[in-house]
C-alpha atoms as a PDB file:
ATOM      1  CA  MET A   1      33.878 -88.508  -9.586  1.00  0.00           C
ATOM      2  CA  ARG A   2      33.536 -88.317 -13.045  1.00  0.00           C
ATOM      3  CA  ALA A   3      31.318 -88.339 -15.564  1.00  0.00           C
ATOM      4  CA  VAL A   4      30.352 -88.686 -19.867  1.00  0.00           C
ATOM      5  CA  ILE A   5      26.957 -86.903 -20.275  1.00  0.00           C
ATOM      6  CA  GLN A   6      25.543 -87.476 -23.697  1.00  0.00           C
ATOM      7  CA  ARG A   7      22.968 -85.279 -25.240  1.00  0.00           C
ATOM      8  CA  CYS A   8      20.487 -89.033 -26.462  1.00  0.00           C
ATOM      9  CA  THR A   9      18.217 -89.410 -28.083  1.00  0.00           C
ATOM     10  CA  ARG A  10      17.264 -92.911 -27.158  1.00  0.00           C
ATOM     11  CA  ALA A  11      19.609 -94.559 -25.453  1.00  0.00           C
ATOM     12  CA  SER A  12      19.784 -98.219 -23.709  1.00  0.00           C
ATOM     13  CA  VAL A  13      21.632-100.229 -21.754  1.00  0.00           C
ATOM     14  CA  ARG A  14      21.158-104.352 -22.321  1.00  0.00           C
ATOM     15  CA  VAL A  15      23.411-106.996 -19.574  1.00  0.00           C
ATOM     16  CA  ASP A  16      22.853-111.081 -20.969  1.00  0.00           C
ATOM     17  CA  GLY A  17      20.590-109.934 -24.663  1.00  0.00           C
ATOM     18  CA  ALA A  18      17.457-108.238 -21.669  1.00  0.00           C
ATOM     19  CA  VAL A  19      16.789-103.974 -21.656  1.00  0.00           C
ATOM     20  CA  VAL A  20      18.030-103.138 -18.489  1.00  0.00           C
ATOM     21  CA  GLY A  21      17.387-100.004 -18.314  1.00  0.00           C
ATOM     22  CA  ALA A  22      16.262 -96.980 -21.592  1.00  0.00           C
ATOM     23  CA  LEU A  23      16.146 -93.454 -21.705  1.00  0.00           C
ATOM     24  CA  GLY A  24      11.551 -93.074 -22.034  1.00  0.00           C
ATOM     25  CA  GLU A  25      10.569 -91.130 -25.445  1.00  0.00           C
ATOM     26  CA  ARG A  26      11.734 -87.915 -25.284  1.00  0.00           C
ATOM     27  CA  GLY A  27      15.743 -88.439 -25.156  1.00  0.00           C
ATOM     28  CA  GLY A  28      17.590 -87.051 -22.422  1.00  0.00           C
ATOM     29  CA  LEU A  29      21.100 -87.971 -20.575  1.00  0.00           C
ATOM     30  CA  ALA A  30      22.855 -90.566 -20.831  1.00  0.00           C
ATOM     31  CA  VAL A  31      25.814 -90.832 -18.422  1.00  0.00           C
ATOM     32  CA  LEU A  32      28.772 -92.406 -18.385  1.00  0.00           C
ATOM     33  CA  LEU A  33      29.833 -92.548 -14.267  1.00  0.00           C
ATOM     34  CA  GLY A  34      32.708 -93.832 -13.133  1.00  0.00           C
ATOM     35  CA  VAL A  35      34.229 -93.185  -9.067  1.00  0.00           C
ATOM     36  CA  GLU A  36      37.360 -92.496  -8.564  1.00  0.00           C
ATOM     37  CA  VAL A  37      39.151 -93.471  -4.190  1.00  0.00           C
ATOM     38  CA  GLY A  38      38.445 -90.649  -2.405  1.00  0.00           C
ATOM     39  CA  ASP A  39      34.539 -90.302  -3.780  1.00  0.00           C
ATOM     40  CA  THR A  40      31.964 -89.383  -1.052  1.00  0.00           C
ATOM     41  CA  ARG A  41      28.748 -88.806  -0.955  1.00  0.00           C
ATOM     42  CA  ALA A  42      29.357 -85.109  -1.053  1.00  0.00           C
ATOM     43  CA  GLU A  43      30.419 -85.128  -4.570  1.00  0.00           C
ATOM     44  CA  ALA A  44      28.059 -88.048  -5.013  1.00  0.00           C
ATOM     45  CA  SER A  45      25.378 -84.854  -4.648  1.00  0.00           C
ATOM     46  CA  ARG A  46      26.969 -82.093  -6.455  1.00  0.00           C
ATOM     47  CA  VAL A  47      27.153 -84.479  -9.363  1.00  0.00           C
ATOM     48  CA  ALA A  48      23.270 -85.173  -9.280  1.00  0.00           C
ATOM     49  CA  GLU A  49      22.300 -81.380  -8.712  1.00  0.00           C
ATOM     50  CA  LYS A  50      24.749 -80.952 -11.340  1.00  0.00           C
ATOM     51  CA  LEU A  51      22.425 -83.145 -14.450  1.00  0.00           C
ATOM     52  CA  ALA A  52      20.019 -81.912 -12.914  1.00  0.00           C
ATOM     53  CA  LYS A  53      20.835 -78.469 -13.480  1.00  0.00           C
ATOM     54  CA  LEU A  54      22.918 -79.204 -17.166  1.00  0.00           C
ATOM     55  CA  ARG A  55      21.592 -76.600 -19.646  1.00  0.00           C
ATOM     56  CA  ILE A  56      22.020 -78.211 -23.037  1.00  0.00           C
ATOM     57  CA  PHE A  57      18.990 -79.224 -24.562  1.00  0.00           C
ATOM     58  CA  GLU A  58      18.474 -76.241 -26.848  1.00  0.00           C
ATOM     59  CA  ASP A  59      15.251 -73.565 -26.538  1.00  0.00           C
ATOM     60  CA  ALA A  60      13.023 -72.123 -29.122  1.00  0.00           C
ATOM     61  CA  ALA A  61      16.325 -69.779 -30.442  1.00  0.00           C
ATOM     62  CA  GLY A  62      18.110 -73.341 -31.418  1.00  0.00           C
ATOM     63  CA  LYS A  63      20.490 -72.020 -27.845  1.00  0.00           C
ATOM     64  CA  MET A  64      20.794 -74.657 -25.829  1.00  0.00           C
ATOM     65  CA  ASN A  65      19.628 -73.306 -23.129  1.00  0.00           C
ATOM     66  CA  LEU A  66      17.739 -76.091 -21.378  1.00  0.00           C
ATOM     67  CA  SER A  67      17.544 -78.749 -19.188  1.00  0.00           C
ATOM     68  CA  VAL A  68      17.140 -82.002 -19.208  1.00  0.00           C
ATOM     69  CA  ALA A  69      13.955 -81.028 -16.373  1.00  0.00           C
ATOM     70  CA  ASP A  70      12.762 -78.905 -19.201  1.00  0.00           C
ATOM     71  CA  VAL A  71      11.766 -80.715 -22.577  1.00  0.00           C
ATOM     72  CA  GLY A  72      10.953 -83.704 -20.183  1.00  0.00           C
ATOM     73  CA  GLY A  73      13.969 -86.071 -21.095  1.00  0.00           C
ATOM     74  CA  SER A  74      14.904 -89.003 -18.935  1.00  0.00           C
ATOM     75  CA  LEU A  75      18.122 -90.298 -17.953  1.00  0.00           C
ATOM     76  CA  LEU A  76      19.850 -93.610 -18.438  1.00  0.00           C
ATOM     77  CA  VAL A  77      23.033 -93.257 -16.079  1.00  0.00           C
ATOM     78  CA  ILE A  78      25.706 -96.625 -16.730  1.00  0.00           C
ATOM     79  CA  SER A  79      29.139 -97.261 -14.206  1.00  0.00           C
ATOM     80  CA  GLN A  80      31.860 -97.368 -15.875  1.00  0.00           C
ATOM     81  CA  PHE A  81      35.054 -98.105 -13.515  1.00  0.00           C
ATOM     82  CA  THR A  82      37.210 -97.330 -17.401  1.00  0.00           C
ATOM     83  CA  LEU A  83      36.564 -93.640 -17.337  1.00  0.00           C
ATOM     84  CA  ALA A  84      38.998 -93.436 -13.678  1.00  0.00           C
ATOM     85  CA  GLY A  85      42.072 -95.362 -16.149  1.00  0.00           C
ATOM     86  CA  ASP A  86      45.029 -93.420 -16.577  1.00  0.00           C
ATOM     87  CA  CYS A  87      46.571 -93.681 -19.242  1.00  0.00           C
ATOM     88  CA  SER A  88      49.582 -91.876 -18.923  1.00  0.00           C
ATOM     89  CA  GLY A  89      52.061 -94.722 -18.172  1.00  0.00           C
ATOM     90  CA  GLY A  90      52.294 -96.507 -20.183  1.00  0.00           C
ATOM     91  CA  ASN A  91      49.481 -98.711 -23.636  1.00  0.00           C
ATOM     92  CA  ARG A  92      48.060-100.526 -21.075  1.00  0.00           C
ATOM     93  CA  PRO A  93      45.347 -98.785 -18.777  1.00  0.00           C
ATOM     94  CA  SER A  94      45.539 -98.046 -14.609  1.00  0.00           C
ATOM     95  CA  PHE A  95      42.945 -98.136 -12.415  1.00  0.00           C
ATOM     96  CA  VAL A  96      43.861 -97.493  -9.314  1.00  0.00           C
ATOM     97  CA  ARG A  97      42.328 -94.198  -9.209  1.00  0.00           C
ATOM     98  CA  ALA A  98      39.206 -96.067  -9.368  1.00  0.00           C
ATOM     99  CA  ALA A  99      37.030 -96.876  -6.523  1.00  0.00           C
ATOM    100  CA  ARG A 100      36.370-100.805  -5.605  1.00  0.00           C
ATOM    101  CA  PRO A 101      32.603-101.657  -6.531  1.00  0.00           C
ATOM    102  CA  GLU A 102      31.881-102.163  -3.112  1.00  0.00           C
ATOM    103  CA  ASP A 103      32.400 -98.260  -2.422  1.00  0.00           C
ATOM    104  CA  ALA A 104      31.728 -96.819  -5.605  1.00  0.00           C
ATOM    105  CA  GLU A 105      27.998 -98.681  -5.895  1.00  0.00           C
ATOM    106  CA  PRO A 106      25.901 -97.202  -3.276  1.00  0.00           C
ATOM    107  CA  LEU A 107      27.817 -93.549  -4.256  1.00  0.00           C
ATOM    108  CA  VAL A 108      26.097 -94.860  -7.821  1.00  0.00           C
ATOM    109  CA  ALA A 109      23.063 -94.677  -5.686  1.00  0.00           C
ATOM    110  CA  HIS A 110      23.777 -91.563  -4.312  1.00  0.00           C
ATOM    111  CA  VAL A 111      23.367 -90.579  -7.215  1.00  0.00           C
ATOM    112  CA  VAL A 112      20.739 -91.672  -9.147  1.00  0.00           C
ATOM    113  CA  GLU A 113      18.672 -91.232  -5.918  1.00  0.00           C
ATOM    114  CA  GLN A 114      19.220 -87.336  -5.335  1.00  0.00           C
ATOM    115  CA  LEU A 115      17.727 -88.069  -8.921  1.00  0.00           C
ATOM    116  CA  ARG A 116      14.694 -89.360  -9.055  1.00  0.00           C
ATOM    117  CA  GLU A 117      13.452 -87.423  -5.418  1.00  0.00           C
ATOM    118  CA  ARG A 118      14.610 -84.172  -8.162  1.00  0.00           C
ATOM    119  CA  GLY A 119      11.406 -85.760 -10.404  1.00  0.00           C
ATOM    120  CA  LEU A 120      13.361 -87.327 -12.281  1.00  0.00           C
ATOM    121  CA  HIS A 121      12.788 -90.845 -14.598  1.00  0.00           C
ATOM    122  CA  VAL A 122      15.957 -92.726 -13.942  1.00  0.00           C
ATOM    123  CA  GLU A 123      17.113 -95.670 -14.970  1.00  0.00           C
ATOM    124  CA  THR A 124      20.507 -97.242 -14.805  1.00  0.00           C
ATOM    125  CA  GLY A 125      22.587 -99.849 -16.190  1.00  0.00           C
ATOM    126  CA  ARG A 126      23.630-103.111 -13.165  1.00  0.00           C
ATOM    127  CA  PHE A 127      25.778-102.678 -11.435  1.00  0.00           C
ATOM    128  CA  ARG A 128      28.909-105.342 -11.682  1.00  0.00           C
ATOM    129  CA  THR A 129      27.836-106.408 -15.729  1.00  0.00           C
ATOM    130  CA  GLU A 130      29.252-106.363 -18.930  1.00  0.00           C
ATOM    131  CA  MET A 131      27.186-104.453 -19.711  1.00  0.00           C
ATOM    132  CA  LYS A 132      26.666-103.112 -23.862  1.00  0.00           C
ATOM    133  CA  VAL A 133      24.941 -99.626 -24.554  1.00  0.00           C
ATOM    134  CA  GLU A 134      23.709 -98.069 -27.658  1.00  0.00           C
ATOM    135  CA  LEU A 135      22.695 -94.880 -27.784  1.00  0.00           C
ATOM    136  CA  LEU A 136      21.895 -92.113 -30.710  1.00  0.00           C
ATOM    137  CA  ASN A 137      23.743 -89.427 -29.575  1.00  0.00           C
ATOM    138  CA  ASP A 138      22.016 -86.239 -30.937  1.00  0.00           C
ATOM    139  CA  GLY A 139      23.890 -82.883 -31.631  1.00  0.00           C
ATOM    140  CA  PRO A 140      26.316 -84.784 -31.288  1.00  0.00           C
ATOM    141  CA  VAL A 141      26.301 -83.191 -27.780  1.00  0.00           C
ATOM    142  CA  THR A 142      28.766 -85.012 -25.100  1.00  0.00           C
ATOM    143  CA  ILE A 143      29.971 -82.072 -21.569  1.00  0.00           C
ATOM    144  CA  VAL A 144      32.669 -83.942 -19.466  1.00  0.00           C
ATOM    145  CA  LEU A 145      31.766 -83.078 -15.874  1.00  0.00           C
ATOM    146  CA  ASP A 146      34.724 -83.471 -13.136  1.00  0.00           C
ATOM    147  CA  VAL A 147      33.694 -83.489  -9.771  1.00  0.00           C
ATOM    148  CA  PRO A 148      37.155 -83.828  -7.998  1.00  0.00           C
ATOM    149  CA  PRO A 149      37.143 -85.057  -4.269  1.00  0.00           C
ATOM    150  CA  PRO A 150      37.472 -82.369  -0.882  1.00  0.00           C
ATOM    151  CA  GLY A 151      41.861 -82.724  -0.466  1.00  0.00           C
END
C-alpha cells in the first residue's frame, strides 16, 4: 500500500462538479491512497496508524512535532490506483501491481474506518469515479509512505 500525504491548508475533491469531500477549516492531510495486489487489512491498519500519528505539523518552536489530531485538523482520503503504476519498462505505466477495484475498495474503507475510530474527522473521494482534486499544500510538505504486503 502506498500513500502520498500532503499537509494542506485546504483540499477538496469534486465529482461531476460537486464537492464530495473536503478538509475542515483548520486544514489537515490530503492522502492519496494506492492499494496494491497482496495488500490486506493488516497493511491498511498500519497505514491508518501512521496517518493518525504522523508528526508533520509545526509546534510553537517551528519543529514538525504535532499530529493532525494535535492541531485539530482533518483528513481527506482519496483512492488512487495510479500510485501502483510502474514506469520502468517504457513510457506508458503498467498498473499490474494495482489491486482490482473490488479488492481495493474495502481496504480504503478500512483505513477510513480506523482513522474515524481514533476520533479523527475524515472525508473521502468517491471510488470508481473521475475525481477532480484541488489542494493548497502547506510548506510544501509531502511524504510518501510505503507499507509493503507481507512476504
